[in-house]
Amino acid sequence: MSRLSEIEAVIDSLSLAEKQEMLLFLAARLRRERRSVPGPRSFTREQLGAWIAEDETDLERLRG
């Protein structure tokens, strides 16, 4: 049994109030850890347009 499945089994046994407390605990941890994550990447309109055009071409090829 993996650690995650063990944790899930324990969480299933908690009361609603305890599950809510666990959720708040995890949310706080994630917010704290997220601060070390780099910000979102920035793309130009040209890059986005090229990707969309490529996707549209691929979609047409799949339909054809």
C-alpha atoms as a PDB file:
ATOM      1  CA  MET A   1       0.000   0.000   0.000  1.00  0.00           C
ATOM      2  CA  SER A   2       1.381   3.412  -0.930  1.00  0.00           C
ATOM      3  CA  ARG A   3       1.693   6.311   1.466  1.00  0.00           C
ATOM      4  CA  LEU A   4      -0.938   8.252  -0.447  1.00  0.00           C
ATOM      5  CA  SER A   5      -3.486   5.455  -0.287  1.00  0.00           C
ATOM      6  CA  GLU A   6      -2.823   5.121   3.449  1.00  0.00           C
ATOM      7  CA  ILE A   7      -3.395   8.851   3.890  1.00  0.00           C
ATOM      8  CA  GLU A   8      -6.586   8.678   1.811  1.00  0.00           C
ATOM      9  CA  ALA A   9      -7.883   5.825   3.968  1.00  0.00           C
ATOM     10  CA  VAL A  10      -7.253   7.827   7.143  1.00  0.00           C
ATOM     11  CA  ILE A  11      -8.927  10.907   5.668  1.00  0.00           C
ATOM     12  CA  ASP A  12     -11.988   8.833   4.772  1.00  0.00           C
ATOM     13  CA  SER A  13     -12.301   7.931   8.456  1.00  0.00           C
ATOM     14  CA  LEU A  14     -12.273  11.570   9.637  1.00  0.00           C
ATOM     15  CA  SER A  15     -15.352  13.530  10.602  1.00  0.00           C
ATOM     16  CA  LEU A  16     -16.531  16.371   8.380  1.00  0.00           C
ATOM     17  CA  ALA A  17     -15.013  18.945  10.761  1.00  0.00           C
ATOM     18  CA  GLU A  18     -11.678  17.116  10.744  1.00  0.00           C
ATOM     19  CA  LYS A  19     -11.718  16.916   6.934  1.00  0.00           C
ATOM     20  CA  GLN A  20     -12.340  20.666   6.751  1.00  0.00           C
ATOM     21  CA  GLU A  21      -9.470  21.274   9.160  1.00  0.00           C
ATOM     22  CA  MET A  22      -7.231  19.036   7.012  1.00  0.00           C
ATOM     23  CA  LEU A  23      -8.227  20.955   3.897  1.00  0.00           C
ATOM     24  CA  LEU A  24      -7.363  24.287   5.509  1.00  0.00           C
ATOM     25  CA  PHE A  25      -4.041  22.852   6.692  1.00  0.00           C
ATOM     26  CA  LEU A  26      -3.166  21.647   3.183  1.00  0.00           C
ATOM     27  CA  ALA A  27      -4.237  24.931   1.590  1.00  0.00           C
ATOM     28  CA  ALA A  28      -1.982  26.881   3.957  1.00  0.00           C
ATOM     29  CA  ARG A  29       0.956  24.568   3.194  1.00  0.00           C
ATOM     30  CA  LEU A  30       0.399  24.886  -0.552  1.00  0.00           C
ATOM     31  CA  ARG A  31       0.248  28.692  -0.349  1.00  0.00           C
ATOM     32  CA  ARG A  32       3.513  28.748   1.597  1.00  0.00           C
ATOM     33  CA  GLU A  33       5.273  26.380  -0.824  1.00  0.00           C
ATOM     34  CA  ARG A  34       3.916  28.148  -3.893  1.00  0.00           C
ATOM     35  CA  ARG A  35       5.918  31.251  -3.024  1.00  0.00           C
ATOM     36  CA  SER A  36       9.045  29.458  -4.182  1.00  0.00           C
ATOM     37  CA  VAL A  37       7.473  28.533  -7.535  1.00  0.00           C
ATOM     38  CA  PRO A  38       8.399  30.774 -10.465  1.00  0.00           C
ATOM     39  CA  GLY A  39       5.712  33.047 -11.859  1.00  0.00           C
ATOM     40  CA  PRO A  40       3.731  32.324 -14.994  1.00  0.00           C
ATOM     41  CA  ARG A  41       5.542  32.457 -18.304  1.00  0.00           C
ATOM     42  CA  SER A  42       4.769  35.160 -20.813  1.00  0.00           C
ATOM     43  CA  PHE A  43       4.189  34.475 -24.523  1.00  0.00           C
ATOM     44  CA  THR A  44       3.841  36.884 -27.429  1.00  0.00           C
ATOM     45  CA  ARG A  45       0.703  37.107 -29.547  1.00  0.00           C
ATOM     46  CA  GLU A  46       2.732  35.716 -32.429  1.00  0.00           C
ATOM     47  CA  GLN A  47       3.723  32.611 -30.460  1.00  0.00           C
ATOM     48  CA  LEU A  48       0.154  32.011 -29.325  1.00  0.00           C
ATOM     49  CA  GLY A  49      -1.169  32.567 -32.848  1.00  0.00           C
ATOM     50  CA  ALA A  50       1.348  30.102 -34.301  1.00  0.00           C
ATOM     51  CA  TRP A  51       0.378  27.440 -31.755  1.00  0.00           C
ATOM     52  CA  ILE A  52      -3.313  27.941 -32.427  1.00  0.00           C
ATOM     53  CA  ALA A  53      -2.761  27.746 -36.190  1.00  0.00           C
ATOM     54  CA  GLU A  54      -0.737  24.562 -35.760  1.00  0.00           C
ATOM     55  CA  ASP A  55      -3.476  23.037 -33.618  1.00  0.00           C
ATOM     56  CA  GLU A  56      -6.141  23.985 -36.156  1.00  0.00           C
ATOM     57  CA  THR A  57      -4.077  22.405 -38.946  1.00  0.00           C
ATOM     58  CA  ASP A  58      -3.632  19.225 -36.938  1.00  0.00           C
ATOM     59  CA  LEU A  59      -7.368  19.121 -36.189  1.00  0.00           C
ATOM     60  CA  GLU A  60      -8.249  19.453 -39.868  1.00  0.00           C
ATOM     61  CA  ARG A  61      -5.763  16.700 -40.716  1.00  0.00           C
ATOM     62  CA  LEU A  62      -7.414  14.423 -38.125  1.00  0.00           C
ATOM     63  CA  ARG A  63     -10.875  15.158 -39.489  1.00  0.00           C
ATOM     64  CA  GLY A  64      -9.763  14.544 -43.074  1.00  0.00           C
END
